[in-house]
Amino acid sequence: MTHNNPCPRSRVNSKRTHRHYLRSTLVCARCGSRMVFTRSKGNGGHYDYFFCVGRHQRRTDCALPFVAADAIEVAVENYYRDH
């Protein structure tokens, strides 16, 4: 079987299988939109981040930058420890 896809590595063909235990549970503290998990590759490694979907899709004027997943995990742990 041959495929006539001019760009076999395009996002259309990729399946997003990044799993994270906080996925689908976080909301942006600045605008209330969902926080989405993503994994980036570069500089010899993989990097896990969360980003505000409201900012990404320009539905809000939110300015929250990408936040490292490690920082989010620590903030959640601190929240539950203190409450």
Protein backbone atom coordinates (compact mmCIF):
# COMPACT_ATOMS: atom_id res chain seq x y z
CA MET A 1 0.00 0.00 0.00
CA THR A 2 1.40 3.38 -0.94
CA HIS A 3 0.50 6.65 0.68
CA ASN A 4 0.32 9.85 -1.31
CA ASN A 5 0.92 12.09 1.64
CA PRO A 6 3.43 14.81 0.70
CA CYS A 7 4.34 15.41 4.33
CA PRO A 8 4.27 12.13 6.30
CA ARG A 9 5.36 13.81 9.53
CA SER A 10 2.61 16.42 9.52
CA ARG A 11 0.38 16.95 12.55
CA VAL A 12 -2.55 15.52 10.63
CA ASN A 13 -0.91 12.10 10.80
CA SER A 14 0.43 12.25 14.32
CA LYS A 15 -1.42 10.84 17.28
CA ARG A 16 -1.04 12.79 20.47
CA THR A 17 -0.44 10.24 23.17
CA HIS A 18 1.22 12.38 25.81
CA ARG A 19 -0.18 11.34 29.15
CA HIS A 20 0.14 13.35 32.32
CA TYR A 21 -1.73 12.82 35.56
CA LEU A 22 -2.78 16.49 35.70
CA ARG A 23 -4.02 16.52 32.12
CA SER A 24 -7.60 17.85 31.83
CA THR A 25 -7.63 19.08 35.43
CA LEU A 26 -5.90 22.46 35.33
CA VAL A 27 -7.31 25.88 34.51
CA CYS A 28 -5.42 29.09 33.87
CA ALA A 29 -5.32 31.30 36.96
CA ARG A 30 -5.31 34.42 34.78
CA CYS A 31 -8.23 33.82 32.41
CA GLY A 32 -9.94 30.57 33.46
CA SER A 33 -9.25 28.68 30.23
CA ARG A 34 -8.03 25.08 30.23
CA MET A 35 -4.33 24.34 30.57
CA VAL A 36 -3.11 21.89 27.94
CA PHE A 37 -0.18 19.50 28.29
CA THR A 38 2.44 19.24 25.57
CA ARG A 39 5.86 17.69 25.12
CA SER A 40 8.54 19.43 23.08
CA LYS A 41 11.76 17.99 21.74
CA GLY A 42 14.96 19.96 21.36
CA ASN A 43 18.45 20.62 22.70
CA GLY A 44 19.00 16.90 23.23
CA GLY A 45 15.96 16.21 25.35
CA HIS A 46 12.21 16.24 25.80
CA TYR A 47 10.49 19.01 27.73
CA ASP A 48 7.02 18.84 29.24
CA TYR A 49 4.92 22.00 29.46
CA PHE A 50 1.41 23.24 30.13
CA PHE A 51 -0.03 26.18 28.22
CA CYS A 52 -3.21 28.22 28.33
CA VAL A 53 -5.52 27.21 25.50
CA GLY A 54 -7.26 30.61 25.67
CA ARG A 55 -4.00 32.34 24.87
CA HIS A 56 -2.97 29.75 22.29
CA GLN A 57 -6.25 30.06 20.38
CA ARG A 58 -6.39 33.84 20.97
CA ARG A 59 -9.80 33.58 22.60
CA THR A 60 -8.64 35.70 25.54
CA ASP A 61 -6.05 38.40 26.14
CA CYS A 62 -4.18 36.08 28.52
CA ALA A 63 -0.41 36.50 28.63
CA LEU A 64 0.48 33.37 30.63
CA PRO A 65 3.65 31.86 29.11
CA PHE A 66 4.28 28.15 28.71
CA VAL A 67 4.88 26.71 32.18
CA ALA A 68 7.20 23.75 32.79
CA ALA A 69 5.26 20.69 33.99
CA ASP A 70 7.72 20.30 36.87
CA ALA A 71 6.79 23.76 38.17
CA ILE A 72 3.07 22.96 37.94
CA GLU A 73 3.58 19.66 39.77
CA VAL A 74 5.42 21.41 42.62
CA ALA A 75 2.71 24.08 42.87
CA VAL A 76 -0.03 21.41 43.07
CA GLU A 77 1.91 19.45 45.71
CA ASN A 78 2.40 22.65 47.75
CA TYR A 79 -1.27 23.54 47.47
CA TYR A 80 -2.43 20.17 48.80
CA ARG A 81 0.23 20.13 51.52
CA ASP A 82 -0.84 23.58 52.76
CA HIS A 83 -4.61 23.05 52.55
